[in-house]
């Protein structure tokens, strides 16, 4: 076998037995549409759980840290942030070859390229996008001054570190010449705004990382995918949300992963911003900088995926991912320049 399997069933069974999570044979199904970390629904007698692991090695340094992601959710749950319950964390590489964690399965809806029936009326579409803005307010209102949450990151210098880190990632892993990357890095550093407040930031906050209840009033049941969470500038989350939010007339990059929000009824990203800022009253004149940062970073980590595909280190599941990234990364950089031109 050229590549290691994502699941090693007999070893996983042994681990679940030792952890007291269900009994008997496993039934599994890959779920979610992530192109980076991988999730499986695992069922056996007395257990219905979700396993989340990183991709196959080799992995870039400081990425796909499942142990840290699980720890973050342990910290966030008592603070009122809706996250799945973490059941077990495994750092033993003997089991699956990479660290992973197990969380309880939540039966909810994630809105991506289709709209669940109970969220499809115009009123529910509006309420869905209002809930997206309101949940971001809730995350950015978490008290980060004490307890374990105060230790997950350093807000001071966050923006400067982001530009420096991602510029370095490009230099380490670039496989083709895209001069826009360096040009945007220089522009971002030269125009870097002052951080107005510090908060918990999710790092990948978008509609597709929210799970909604299957029935009743529109409500976010859980916020998913905490790999990139830290403490820093909350406008980085707002910039990412709005730069990747699909609406009529938007840039149309492959990062607009929830295309349905371009349909009637959903708030525009400008309306999302207005609703969000009712709670904080921030100066948003520099928001295009944060939007440019979001797409520049997305281009760099997408290029890393493209490089792994080119090197034969990952497949695309028959989805044509390599071809999408070949053209999509330059389009992301074009869109980032478009936001930069607005500042």
C-alpha atoms as a PDB file:
ATOM      1  CA  UNK A   1       0.000   0.000   0.000  1.00  0.00           C
ATOM      2  CA  UNK A   2       1.547   3.274  -1.153  1.00  0.00           C
ATOM      3  CA  UNK A   3      -0.230   5.498   1.374  1.00  0.00           C
ATOM      4  CA  UNK A   4      -1.295   4.709   4.928  1.00  0.00           C
ATOM      5  CA  UNK A   5      -5.034   4.321   5.557  1.00  0.00           C
ATOM      6  CA  UNK A   6      -6.964   7.087   7.280  1.00  0.00           C
ATOM      7  CA  UNK A   7      -8.533   4.533   9.627  1.00  0.00           C
ATOM      8  CA  UNK A   8      -6.912   1.424  11.084  1.00  0.00           C
ATOM      9  CA  UNK A   9     -10.014  -0.337  12.293  1.00  0.00           C
ATOM     10  CA  UNK A  10      -8.563  -2.999  14.589  1.00  0.00           C
ATOM     11  CA  UNK A  11      -6.338  -0.479  16.400  1.00  0.00           C
ATOM     12  CA  UNK A  12      -9.208   1.977  16.694  1.00  0.00           C
ATOM     13  CA  UNK A  13     -11.424  -0.747  18.144  1.00  0.00           C
ATOM     14  CA  UNK A  14      -8.773  -1.482  20.755  1.00  0.00           C
ATOM     15  CA  UNK A  15      -8.500   2.202  21.614  1.00  0.00           C
ATOM     16  CA  UNK A  16     -12.267   2.594  21.961  1.00  0.00           C
ATOM     17  CA  UNK A  17     -12.459  -0.512  24.134  1.00  0.00           C
ATOM     18  CA  UNK A  18      -9.737   0.834  26.408  1.00  0.00           C
ATOM     19  CA  UNK A  19     -11.493   4.212  26.582  1.00  0.00           C
ATOM     20  CA  UNK A  20     -14.883   2.678  27.407  1.00  0.00           C
ATOM     21  CA  UNK A  21     -16.532   4.071  24.270  1.00  0.00           C
ATOM     22  CA  UNK A  22     -19.068   1.503  23.091  1.00  0.00           C
ATOM     23  CA  UNK A  23     -18.606  -2.192  22.353  1.00  0.00           C
ATOM     24  CA  UNK A  24     -18.560  -4.486  19.363  1.00  0.00           C
ATOM     25  CA  UNK A  25     -17.699  -3.986  15.692  1.00  0.00           C
ATOM     26  CA  UNK A  26     -17.320  -0.537  14.144  1.00  0.00           C
ATOM     27  CA  UNK A  27     -19.382   1.061  11.419  1.00  0.00           C
ATOM     28  CA  UNK A  28     -17.869   4.158   9.919  1.00  0.00           C
ATOM     29  CA  UNK A  29     -18.624   6.829   7.349  1.00  0.00           C
ATOM     30  CA  UNK A  30     -16.530   9.777   6.254  1.00  0.00           C
ATOM     31  CA  UNK A  31     -18.429  13.017   6.801  1.00  0.00           C
ATOM     32  CA  UNK A  32     -17.858  16.683   6.081  1.00  0.00           C
ATOM     33  CA  UNK A  33     -16.297  18.255   3.040  1.00  0.00           C
ATOM     34  CA  UNK A  34     -12.975  19.362   4.494  1.00  0.00           C
ATOM     35  CA  UNK A  35      -9.930  19.231   2.239  1.00  0.00           C
ATOM     36  CA  UNK A  36      -7.497  19.404   5.155  1.00  0.00           C
ATOM     37  CA  UNK A  37      -8.488  17.616   8.351  1.00  0.00           C
ATOM     38  CA  UNK A  38     -10.628  14.505   8.091  1.00  0.00           C
ATOM     39  CA  UNK A  39     -13.733  13.493  10.059  1.00  0.00           C
ATOM     40  CA  UNK A  40     -15.498  10.149  10.370  1.00  0.00           C
ATOM     41  CA  UNK A  41     -18.735   9.189  12.043  1.00  0.00           C
ATOM     42  CA  UNK A  42     -18.031   6.050  14.074  1.00  0.00           C
ATOM     43  CA  UNK A  43     -20.904   3.900  15.353  1.00  0.00           C
ATOM     44  CA  UNK A  44     -20.854   0.810  17.519  1.00  0.00           C
ATOM     45  CA  UNK A  45     -23.139  -0.549  20.208  1.00  0.00           C
ATOM     46  CA  UNK A  46     -23.597   2.143  22.832  1.00  0.00           C
ATOM     47  CA  UNK A  47     -21.614   4.836  20.970  1.00  0.00           C
ATOM     48  CA  UNK A  48     -22.203   7.317  18.159  1.00  0.00           C
ATOM     49  CA  UNK A  49     -19.158   9.570  17.895  1.00  0.00           C
ATOM     50  CA  UNK A  50     -17.134  11.659  15.473  1.00  0.00           C
ATOM     51  CA  UNK A  51     -13.406  11.079  14.972  1.00  0.00           C
ATOM     52  CA  UNK A  52     -11.343  14.041  13.766  1.00  0.00           C
ATOM     53  CA  UNK A  53      -7.758  13.641  12.573  1.00  0.00           C
ATOM     54  CA  UNK A  54      -5.246  15.461  10.428  1.00  0.00           C
ATOM     55  CA  UNK A  55      -4.277  14.446   6.886  1.00  0.00           C
ATOM     56  CA  UNK A  56      -1.608  11.900   6.118  1.00  0.00           C
ATOM     57  CA  UNK A  57       1.963  12.918   7.016  1.00  0.00           C
ATOM     58  CA  UNK A  58       4.230  14.660   6.279  1.00  0.00           C
ATOM     59  CA  UNK A  59       2.593  17.710   7.828  1.00  0.00           C
ATOM     60  CA  UNK A  60       3.864  21.309   7.875  1.00  0.00           C
ATOM     61  CA  UNK A  61       5.110  22.424  11.313  1.00  0.00           C
ATOM     62  CA  UNK A  62       2.475  23.767  13.755  1.00  0.00           C
ATOM     63  CA  UNK A  63      -0.471  22.586  11.662  1.00  0.00           C
ATOM     64  CA  UNK A  64      -3.276  20.067  12.142  1.00  0.00           C
ATOM     65  CA  UNK A  65      -2.764  20.017  15.913  1.00  0.00           C
ATOM     66  CA  UNK A  66      -5.706  17.901  17.000  1.00  0.00           C
ATOM     67  CA  UNK A  67      -4.574  17.754  20.630  1.00  0.00           C
ATOM     68  CA  UNK A  68      -4.633  21.549  20.867  1.00  0.00           C
ATOM     69  CA  UNK A  69      -7.973  21.772  19.042  1.00  0.00           C
ATOM     70  CA  UNK A  70      -9.581  19.343  21.478  1.00  0.00           C
ATOM     71  CA  UNK A  71      -8.086  21.236  24.435  1.00  0.00           C
ATOM     72  CA  UNK A  72      -9.529  24.506  23.131  1.00  0.00           C
ATOM     73  CA  UNK A  73     -13.020  23.030  23.008  1.00  0.00           C
ATOM     74  CA  UNK A  74     -12.605  21.720  26.558  1.00  0.00           C
ATOM     75  CA  UNK A  75     -11.866  25.316  27.591  1.00  0.00           C
ATOM     76  CA  UNK A  76     -14.683  26.877  25.573  1.00  0.00           C
ATOM     77  CA  UNK A  77     -17.564  24.642  26.646  1.00  0.00           C
ATOM     78  CA  UNK A  78     -17.753  26.002  30.233  1.00  0.00           C
ATOM     79  CA  UNK A  79     -17.667  29.549  28.813  1.00  0.00           C
ATOM     80  CA  UNK A  80     -20.963  29.048  27.008  1.00  0.00           C
ATOM     81  CA  UNK A  81     -19.558  28.534  23.519  1.00  0.00           C
ATOM     82  CA  UNK A  82     -21.556  25.807  21.727  1.00  0.00           C
ATOM     83  CA  UNK A  83     -19.030  23.107  20.853  1.00  0.00           C
ATOM     84  CA  UNK A  84     -19.269  19.302  20.683  1.00  0.00           C
ATOM     85  CA  UNK A  85     -18.386  17.405  23.844  1.00  0.00           C
ATOM     86  CA  UNK A  86     -14.855  15.998  23.660  1.00  0.00           C
ATOM     87  CA  UNK A  87     -14.818  12.339  24.719  1.00  0.00           C
ATOM     88  CA  UNK A  88     -11.197  11.293  24.237  1.00  0.00           C
ATOM     89  CA  UNK A  89      -7.907  12.596  22.836  1.00  0.00           C
ATOM     90  CA  UNK A  90      -5.240  10.269  21.442  1.00  0.00           C
ATOM     91  CA  UNK A  91      -1.668  11.443  20.858  1.00  0.00           C
ATOM     92  CA  UNK A  92      -0.354   7.874  20.418  1.00  0.00           C
ATOM     93  CA  UNK A  93       0.818   7.628  16.804  1.00  0.00           C
ATOM     94  CA  UNK A  94       0.625   3.838  16.946  1.00  0.00           C
ATOM     95  CA  UNK A  95      -3.175   3.946  16.618  1.00  0.00           C
ATOM     96  CA  UNK A  96      -3.720   5.949  13.413  1.00  0.00           C
ATOM     97  CA  UNK A  97      -0.305   7.422  12.629  1.00  0.00           C
ATOM     98  CA  UNK A  98      -1.425  10.921  13.655  1.00  0.00           C
ATOM     99  CA  UNK A  99      -3.092  12.375  16.764  1.00  0.00           C
ATOM    100  CA  UNK A 100      -6.881  12.440  16.762  1.00  0.00           C
ATOM    101  CA  UNK A 101      -9.790  13.092  19.062  1.00  0.00           C
ATOM    102  CA  UNK A 102     -13.329  11.821  19.517  1.00  0.00           C
ATOM    103  CA  UNK A 103     -16.395  13.975  20.163  1.00  0.00           C
ATOM    104  CA  UNK A 104     -20.078  13.260  20.514  1.00  0.00           C
ATOM    105  CA  UNK A 105     -22.111  13.171  17.311  1.00  0.00           C
ATOM    106  CA  UNK A 106     -24.515  16.087  16.908  1.00  0.00           C
ATOM    107  CA  UNK A 107     -27.493  15.683  14.606  1.00  0.00           C
ATOM    108  CA  UNK A 108     -27.713  19.087  12.969  1.00  0.00           C
ATOM    109  CA  UNK A 109     -27.500  20.814   9.598  1.00  0.00           C
ATOM    110  CA  UNK A 110     -24.486  22.494   8.022  1.00  0.00           C
ATOM    111  CA  UNK A 111     -25.432  24.916   5.247  1.00  0.00           C
ATOM    112  CA  UNK A 112     -23.152  24.691   2.196  1.00  0.00           C
ATOM    113  CA  UNK A 113     -24.394  24.196  -1.370  1.00  0.00           C
ATOM    114  CA  UNK A 114     -27.957  23.238  -0.437  1.00  0.00           C
ATOM    115  CA  UNK A 115     -30.443  24.738   2.006  1.00  0.00           C
ATOM    116  CA  UNK A 116     -32.187  22.448   4.516  1.00  0.00           C
ATOM    117  CA  UNK A 117     -35.950  22.609   4.020  1.00  0.00           C
ATOM    118  CA  UNK A 118     -36.709  24.080   7.436  1.00  0.00           C
ATOM    119  CA  UNK A 119     -34.216  26.915   6.792  1.00  0.00           C
ATOM    120  CA  UNK A 120     -35.329  27.678   3.246  1.00  0.00           C
ATOM    121  CA  UNK A 121     -38.138  30.228   3.635  1.00  0.00           C
ATOM    122  CA  UNK A 122     -37.051  33.832   3.101  1.00  0.00           C
ATOM    123  CA  UNK A 123     -37.551  34.619   6.794  1.00  0.00           C
ATOM    124  CA  UNK A 124     -35.413  31.636   7.838  1.00  0.00           C
ATOM    125  CA  UNK A 125     -32.700  32.581   5.352  1.00  0.00           C
ATOM    126  CA  UNK A 126     -32.465  36.013   6.924  1.00  0.00           C
ATOM    127  CA  UNK A 127     -32.500  34.544  10.432  1.00  0.00           C
ATOM    128  CA  UNK A 128     -29.742  32.123   9.438  1.00  0.00           C
ATOM    129  CA  UNK A 129     -27.399  34.893   8.363  1.00  0.00           C
ATOM    130  CA  UNK A 130     -28.366  36.979  11.393  1.00  0.00           C
ATOM    131  CA  UNK A 131     -27.400  33.997  13.556  1.00  0.00           C
ATOM    132  CA  UNK A 132     -24.014  33.902  11.797  1.00  0.00           C
ATOM    133  CA  UNK A 133     -23.325  37.515  12.791  1.00  0.00           C
ATOM    134  CA  UNK A 134     -24.717  37.054  16.305  1.00  0.00           C
ATOM    135  CA  UNK A 135     -22.593  33.967  16.986  1.00  0.00           C
ATOM    136  CA  UNK A 136     -19.475  35.860  15.955  1.00  0.00           C
ATOM    137  CA  UNK A 137     -20.427  38.572  18.451  1.00  0.00           C
ATOM    138  CA  UNK A 138     -20.813  35.852  21.076  1.00  0.00           C
ATOM    139  CA  UNK A 139     -17.353  34.414  20.363  1.00  0.00           C
ATOM    140  CA  UNK A 140     -15.733  37.833  20.409  1.00  0.00           C
ATOM    141  CA  UNK A 141     -17.408  38.627  23.750  1.00  0.00           C
ATOM    142  CA  UNK A 142     -15.781  35.712  25.629  1.00  0.00           C
ATOM    143  CA  UNK A 143     -13.755  36.930  28.613  1.00  0.00           C
ATOM    144  CA  UNK A 144     -10.147  36.138  27.678  1.00  0.00           C
ATOM    145  CA  UNK A 145      -8.473  37.730  30.687  1.00  0.00           C
ATOM    146  CA  UNK A 146      -8.259  34.755  33.013  1.00  0.00           C
ATOM    147  CA  UNK A 147      -8.300  30.979  33.203  1.00  0.00           C
ATOM    148  CA  UNK A 148      -7.017  28.588  30.599  1.00  0.00           C
ATOM    149  CA  UNK A 149      -8.398  30.626  27.714  1.00  0.00           C
ATOM    150  CA  UNK A 150      -5.944  33.432  28.523  1.00  0.00           C
ATOM    151  CA  UNK A 151      -3.068  31.105  27.681  1.00  0.00           C
ATOM    152  CA  UNK A 152      -4.036  30.008  24.159  1.00  0.00           C
ATOM    153  CA  UNK A 153      -2.380  32.926  22.358  1.00  0.00           C
ATOM    154  CA  UNK A 154      -0.731  36.358  22.532  1.00  0.00           C
ATOM    155  CA  UNK A 155      -2.942  39.149  21.201  1.00  0.00           C
ATOM    156  CA  UNK A 156      -0.144  41.719  21.042  1.00  0.00           C
ATOM    157  CA  UNK A 157       1.538  41.663  17.660  1.00  0.00           C
ATOM    158  CA  UNK A 158      -0.997  39.235  16.211  1.00  0.00           C
ATOM    159  CA  UNK A 159      -1.376  40.952  12.835  1.00  0.00           C
ATOM    160  CA  UNK A 160       2.338  41.440  12.362  1.00  0.00           C
ATOM    161  CA  UNK A 161       2.982  37.771  13.153  1.00  0.00           C
ATOM    162  CA  UNK A 162       0.297  36.659  10.710  1.00  0.00           C
ATOM    163  CA  UNK A 163       1.870  38.494   7.794  1.00  0.00           C
ATOM    164  CA  UNK A 164       5.374  37.328   8.690  1.00  0.00           C
ATOM    165  CA  UNK A 165       4.341  33.711   9.274  1.00  0.00           C
ATOM    166  CA  UNK A 166       2.382  33.277   6.054  1.00  0.00           C
ATOM    167  CA  UNK A 167       5.016  35.047   3.980  1.00  0.00           C
ATOM    168  CA  UNK A 168       7.484  32.521   5.399  1.00  0.00           C
ATOM    169  CA  UNK A 169       5.175  29.608   4.630  1.00  0.00           C
ATOM    170  CA  UNK A 170       5.056  30.719   1.024  1.00  0.00           C
ATOM    171  CA  UNK A 171       8.834  30.902   0.799  1.00  0.00           C
ATOM    172  CA  UNK A 172       9.139  27.404   2.268  1.00  0.00           C
ATOM    173  CA  UNK A 173       6.575  25.657   0.111  1.00  0.00           C
ATOM    174  CA  UNK A 174       5.969  27.584  -3.104  1.00  0.00           C
ATOM    175  CA  UNK A 175       6.106  25.477  -6.261  1.00  0.00           C
ATOM    176  CA  UNK A 176       5.485  28.226  -8.821  1.00  0.00           C
ATOM    177  CA  UNK A 177       6.154  31.900  -9.355  1.00  0.00           C
ATOM    178  CA  UNK A 178       3.247  34.098  -8.236  1.00  0.00           C
ATOM    179  CA  UNK A 179       4.679  37.609  -7.693  1.00  0.00           C
ATOM    180  CA  UNK A 180       1.392  38.857  -6.226  1.00  0.00           C
ATOM    181  CA  UNK A 181       2.141  36.970  -3.005  1.00  0.00           C
ATOM    182  CA  UNK A 182       5.231  39.048  -2.184  1.00  0.00           C
ATOM    183  CA  UNK A 183       3.586  42.258  -3.418  1.00  0.00           C
ATOM    184  CA  UNK A 184       0.574  41.709  -1.169  1.00  0.00           C
ATOM    185  CA  UNK A 185       2.805  40.807   1.779  1.00  0.00           C
ATOM    186  CA  UNK A 186       4.616  44.119   1.399  1.00  0.00           C
ATOM    187  CA  UNK A 187       1.325  45.995   1.078  1.00  0.00           C
ATOM    188  CA  UNK A 188      -0.171  44.290   4.131  1.00  0.00           C
ATOM    189  CA  UNK A 189       2.862  45.134   6.268  1.00  0.00           C
ATOM    190  CA  UNK A 190       3.004  48.741   5.048  1.00  0.00           C
ATOM    191  CA  UNK A 191      -0.704  49.317   5.701  1.00  0.00           C
ATOM    192  CA  UNK A 192      -1.159  47.232   8.846  1.00  0.00           C
ATOM    193  CA  UNK A 193      -3.839  48.790  11.091  1.00  0.00           C
ATOM    194  CA  UNK A 194      -3.681  49.167  14.844  1.00  0.00           C
ATOM    195  CA  UNK A 195      -5.624  46.510  16.731  1.00  0.00           C
ATOM    196  CA  UNK A 196      -8.618  48.127  18.469  1.00  0.00           C
ATOM    197  CA  UNK A 197      -9.457  45.297  20.858  1.00  0.00           C
ATOM    198  CA  UNK A 198      -8.355  41.758  21.609  1.00  0.00           C
ATOM    199  CA  UNK A 199     -10.630  38.732  21.665  1.00  0.00           C
ATOM    200  CA  UNK A 200     -10.942  35.036  21.094  1.00  0.00           C
ATOM    201  CA  UNK A 201     -10.776  34.503  17.346  1.00  0.00           C
ATOM    202  CA  UNK A 202     -11.898  31.374  15.543  1.00  0.00           C
ATOM    203  CA  UNK A 203      -9.576  31.666  12.548  1.00  0.00           C
ATOM    204  CA  UNK A 204     -11.885  29.933  10.049  1.00  0.00           C
ATOM    205  CA  UNK A 205     -15.230  31.518  10.856  1.00  0.00           C
ATOM    206  CA  UNK A 206     -17.708  30.970   8.036  1.00  0.00           C
ATOM    207  CA  UNK A 207     -21.239  29.705   7.524  1.00  0.00           C
ATOM    208  CA  UNK A 208     -20.018  26.184   6.693  1.00  0.00           C
ATOM    209  CA  UNK A 209     -18.376  25.827  10.117  1.00  0.00           C
ATOM    210  CA  UNK A 210     -21.660  26.342  11.951  1.00  0.00           C
ATOM    211  CA  UNK A 211     -24.145  23.578  12.670  1.00  0.00           C
ATOM    212  CA  UNK A 212     -27.813  24.579  12.932  1.00  0.00           C
ATOM    213  CA  UNK A 213     -30.597  22.760  14.736  1.00  0.00           C
ATOM    214  CA  UNK A 214     -32.713  20.525  12.521  1.00  0.00           C
ATOM    215  CA  UNK A 215     -36.028  21.871  13.791  1.00  0.00           C
ATOM    216  CA  UNK A 216     -37.546  24.764  15.690  1.00  0.00           C
ATOM    217  CA  UNK A 217     -36.350  28.361  15.596  1.00  0.00           C
ATOM    218  CA  UNK A 218     -33.115  29.077  13.754  1.00  0.00           C
ATOM    219  CA  UNK A 219     -30.306  28.419  16.201  1.00  0.00           C
ATOM    220  CA  UNK A 220     -26.609  27.579  15.985  1.00  0.00           C
ATOM    221  CA  UNK A 221     -26.152  24.192  17.639  1.00  0.00           C
ATOM    222  CA  UNK A 222     -22.359  24.111  17.469  1.00  0.00           C
ATOM    223  CA  UNK A 223     -19.338  25.987  16.137  1.00  0.00           C
ATOM    224  CA  UNK A 224     -16.947  23.562  14.449  1.00  0.00           C
ATOM    225  CA  UNK A 225     -13.292  23.436  13.322  1.00  0.00           C
ATOM    226  CA  UNK A 226     -11.214  25.209  15.982  1.00  0.00           C
ATOM    227  CA  UNK A 227      -7.781  24.322  14.636  1.00  0.00           C
ATOM    228  CA  UNK A 228      -6.721  27.926  13.986  1.00  0.00           C
ATOM    229  CA  UNK A 229      -8.312  29.536  17.042  1.00  0.00           C
ATOM    230  CA  UNK A 230      -6.207  31.865  19.166  1.00  0.00           C
ATOM    231  CA  UNK A 231      -6.322  35.297  20.786  1.00  0.00           C
ATOM    232  CA  UNK A 232      -5.928  38.278  18.515  1.00  0.00           C
ATOM    233  CA  UNK A 233      -7.724  40.904  16.467  1.00  0.00           C
ATOM    234  CA  UNK A 234     -11.448  40.096  16.069  1.00  0.00           C
ATOM    235  CA  UNK A 235     -11.589  41.960  12.768  1.00  0.00           C
ATOM    236  CA  UNK A 236      -9.501  39.127  11.317  1.00  0.00           C
ATOM    237  CA  UNK A 237     -12.548  36.874  11.794  1.00  0.00           C
ATOM    238  CA  UNK A 238     -14.890  39.500  10.374  1.00  0.00           C
ATOM    239  CA  UNK A 239     -12.608  40.052   7.398  1.00  0.00           C
ATOM    240  CA  UNK A 240     -12.414  36.313   6.684  1.00  0.00           C
ATOM    241  CA  UNK A 241     -16.179  35.836   7.046  1.00  0.00           C
ATOM    242  CA  UNK A 242     -17.020  38.659   4.665  1.00  0.00           C
ATOM    243  CA  UNK A 243     -14.240  37.982   2.139  1.00  0.00           C
ATOM    244  CA  UNK A 244     -15.417  34.378   1.726  1.00  0.00           C
ATOM    245  CA  UNK A 245     -19.166  35.121   1.871  1.00  0.00           C
ATOM    246  CA  UNK A 246     -21.062  34.437  -1.338  1.00  0.00           C
ATOM    247  CA  UNK A 247     -23.459  37.085  -2.560  1.00  0.00           C
ATOM    248  CA  UNK A 248     -24.623  38.429  -5.886  1.00  0.00           C
ATOM    249  CA  UNK A 249     -21.729  40.207  -7.595  1.00  0.00           C
ATOM    250  CA  UNK A 250     -19.023  38.797  -5.298  1.00  0.00           C
ATOM    251  CA  UNK A 251     -15.623  37.691  -6.575  1.00  0.00           C
ATOM    252  CA  UNK A 252     -16.679  34.059  -6.985  1.00  0.00           C
ATOM    253  CA  UNK A 253     -13.524  32.424  -5.622  1.00  0.00           C
ATOM    254  CA  UNK A 254     -13.490  28.766  -4.587  1.00  0.00           C
ATOM    255  CA  UNK A 255     -13.309  29.965  -0.968  1.00  0.00           C
ATOM    256  CA  UNK A 256     -16.992  30.927  -1.181  1.00  0.00           C
ATOM    257  CA  UNK A 257     -17.847  27.488   0.151  1.00  0.00           C
ATOM    258  CA  UNK A 258     -21.471  28.267   1.057  1.00  0.00           C
ATOM    259  CA  UNK A 259     -22.750  29.448  -2.285  1.00  0.00           C
ATOM    260  CA  UNK A 260     -26.398  29.456  -1.264  1.00  0.00           C
ATOM    261  CA  UNK A 261     -25.999  32.765   0.594  1.00  0.00           C
ATOM    262  CA  UNK A 262     -25.968  34.477  -2.818  1.00  0.00           C
ATOM    263  CA  UNK A 263     -29.688  33.623  -3.076  1.00  0.00           C
ATOM    264  CA  UNK A 264     -32.469  36.055  -2.038  1.00  0.00           C
ATOM    265  CA  UNK A 265     -33.219  36.398   1.660  1.00  0.00           C
ATOM    266  CA  UNK A 266     -29.719  36.170   3.099  1.00  0.00           C
ATOM    267  CA  UNK A 267     -27.992  39.269   4.429  1.00  0.00           C
ATOM    268  CA  UNK A 268     -25.265  40.801   2.307  1.00  0.00           C
ATOM    269  CA  UNK A 269     -21.817  40.901   3.859  1.00  0.00           C
ATOM    270  CA  UNK A 270     -22.243  44.629   4.382  1.00  0.00           C
ATOM    271  CA  UNK A 271     -25.408  43.911   6.403  1.00  0.00           C
ATOM    272  CA  UNK A 272     -23.554  41.224   8.368  1.00  0.00           C
ATOM    273  CA  UNK A 273     -20.899  43.794   9.237  1.00  0.00           C
ATOM    274  CA  UNK A 274     -23.499  46.332  10.342  1.00  0.00           C
ATOM    275  CA  UNK A 275     -25.298  43.817  12.565  1.00  0.00           C
ATOM    276  CA  UNK A 276     -22.016  42.621  14.083  1.00  0.00           C
ATOM    277  CA  UNK A 277     -20.733  46.099  14.828  1.00  0.00           C
ATOM    278  CA  UNK A 278     -23.869  47.141  16.698  1.00  0.00           C
ATOM    279  CA  UNK A 279     -22.298  45.302  19.633  1.00  0.00           C
ATOM    280  CA  UNK A 280     -18.788  46.772  19.443  1.00  0.00           C
ATOM    281  CA  UNK A 281     -18.850  50.111  17.628  1.00  0.00           C
ATOM    282  CA  UNK A 282     -15.434  49.578  16.029  1.00  0.00           C
ATOM    283  CA  UNK A 283     -13.866  51.719  13.343  1.00  0.00           C
ATOM    284  CA  UNK A 284     -14.291  49.544  10.261  1.00  0.00           C
ATOM    285  CA  UNK A 285     -12.589  51.814   7.745  1.00  0.00           C
ATOM    286  CA  UNK A 286      -9.689  49.333   7.523  1.00  0.00           C
ATOM    287  CA  UNK A 287     -11.915  46.269   6.951  1.00  0.00           C
ATOM    288  CA  UNK A 288     -10.625  45.877   3.340  1.00  0.00           C
ATOM    289  CA  UNK A 289      -7.162  45.274   4.828  1.00  0.00           C
ATOM    290  CA  UNK A 290      -8.500  42.342   6.855  1.00  0.00           C
ATOM    291  CA  UNK A 291     -10.380  41.019   3.817  1.00  0.00           C
ATOM    292  CA  UNK A 292      -7.216  41.191   1.717  1.00  0.00           C
ATOM    293  CA  UNK A 293      -5.306  39.428   4.510  1.00  0.00           C
ATOM    294  CA  UNK A 294      -7.922  36.651   4.591  1.00  0.00           C
ATOM    295  CA  UNK A 295      -7.702  35.853   0.891  1.00  0.00           C
ATOM    296  CA  UNK A 296      -3.914  36.219   0.785  1.00  0.00           C
ATOM    297  CA  UNK A 297      -3.604  33.671   3.600  1.00  0.00           C
ATOM    298  CA  UNK A 298      -6.159  31.416   1.907  1.00  0.00           C
ATOM    299  CA  UNK A 299      -4.102  31.526  -1.285  1.00  0.00           C
ATOM    300  CA  UNK A 300      -0.956  30.489   0.593  1.00  0.00           C
ATOM    301  CA  UNK A 301      -2.440  27.537   2.455  1.00  0.00           C
ATOM    302  CA  UNK A 302      -4.320  26.468  -0.691  1.00  0.00           C
ATOM    303  CA  UNK A 303      -1.029  26.522  -2.602  1.00  0.00           C
ATOM    304  CA  UNK A 304       0.416  24.203   0.046  1.00  0.00           C
ATOM    305  CA  UNK A 305      -2.410  21.741  -0.654  1.00  0.00           C
ATOM    306  CA  UNK A 306      -1.772  22.143  -4.380  1.00  0.00           C
ATOM    307  CA  UNK A 307       1.940  21.406  -3.857  1.00  0.00           C
ATOM    308  CA  UNK A 308       1.120  18.204  -1.963  1.00  0.00           C
ATOM    309  CA  UNK A 309      -1.214  17.183  -4.779  1.00  0.00           C
ATOM    310  CA  UNK A 310       1.490  17.894  -7.376  1.00  0.00           C
ATOM    311  CA  UNK A 311       3.961  15.804  -5.351  1.00  0.00           C
ATOM    312  CA  UNK A 312       1.543  12.881  -5.192  1.00  0.00           C
ATOM    313  CA  UNK A 313       1.179  13.201  -1.406  1.00  0.00           C
ATOM    314  CA  UNK A 314      -2.612  13.498  -1.510  1.00  0.00           C
ATOM    315  CA  UNK A 315      -5.469  12.719  -3.859  1.00  0.00           C
ATOM    316  CA  UNK A 316      -8.542  14.832  -4.501  1.00  0.00           C
ATOM    317  CA  UNK A 317     -11.142  12.111  -4.132  1.00  0.00           C
ATOM    318  CA  UNK A 318     -12.048  12.476  -7.797  1.00  0.00           C
ATOM    319  CA  UNK A 319     -13.204  16.055  -7.199  1.00  0.00           C
ATOM    320  CA  UNK A 320     -10.716  17.738  -9.515  1.00  0.00           C
ATOM    321  CA  UNK A 321      -9.144  19.593  -6.618  1.00  0.00           C
ATOM    322  CA  UNK A 322      -5.767  19.978  -8.307  1.00  0.00           C
ATOM    323  CA  UNK A 323      -7.270  21.687 -11.332  1.00  0.00           C
ATOM    324  CA  UNK A 324      -9.396  23.914  -9.110  1.00  0.00           C
ATOM    325  CA  UNK A 325      -6.356  25.063  -7.134  1.00  0.00           C
ATOM    326  CA  UNK A 326      -4.189  25.579 -10.193  1.00  0.00           C
ATOM    327  CA  UNK A 327      -6.491  28.361 -11.374  1.00  0.00           C
ATOM    328  CA  UNK A 328      -8.110  29.151  -8.049  1.00  0.00           C
ATOM    329  CA  UNK A 329      -5.038  30.316  -6.142  1.00  0.00           C
ATOM    330  CA  UNK A 330      -4.245  33.119  -8.636  1.00  0.00           C
ATOM    331  CA  UNK A 331      -7.920  34.136  -8.536  1.00  0.00           C
ATOM    332  CA  UNK A 332      -7.733  34.404  -4.755  1.00  0.00           C
ATOM    333  CA  UNK A 333      -4.741  36.715  -5.099  1.00  0.00           C
ATOM    334  CA  UNK A 334      -6.627  38.823  -7.662  1.00  0.00           C
ATOM    335  CA  UNK A 335      -9.558  39.089  -5.256  1.00  0.00           C
ATOM    336  CA  UNK A 336      -7.207  40.041  -2.409  1.00  0.00           C
ATOM    337  CA  UNK A 337      -5.790  42.843  -4.561  1.00  0.00           C
ATOM    338  CA  UNK A 338      -9.349  43.954  -5.236  1.00  0.00           C
ATOM    339  CA  UNK A 339      -9.985  44.397  -1.526  1.00  0.00           C
ATOM    340  CA  UNK A 340      -6.632  46.138  -1.077  1.00  0.00           C
ATOM    341  CA  UNK A 341      -7.595  48.646  -3.755  1.00  0.00           C
ATOM    342  CA  UNK A 342     -10.614  49.681  -1.655  1.00  0.00           C
ATOM    343  CA  UNK A 343      -8.495  50.936   1.239  1.00  0.00           C
END
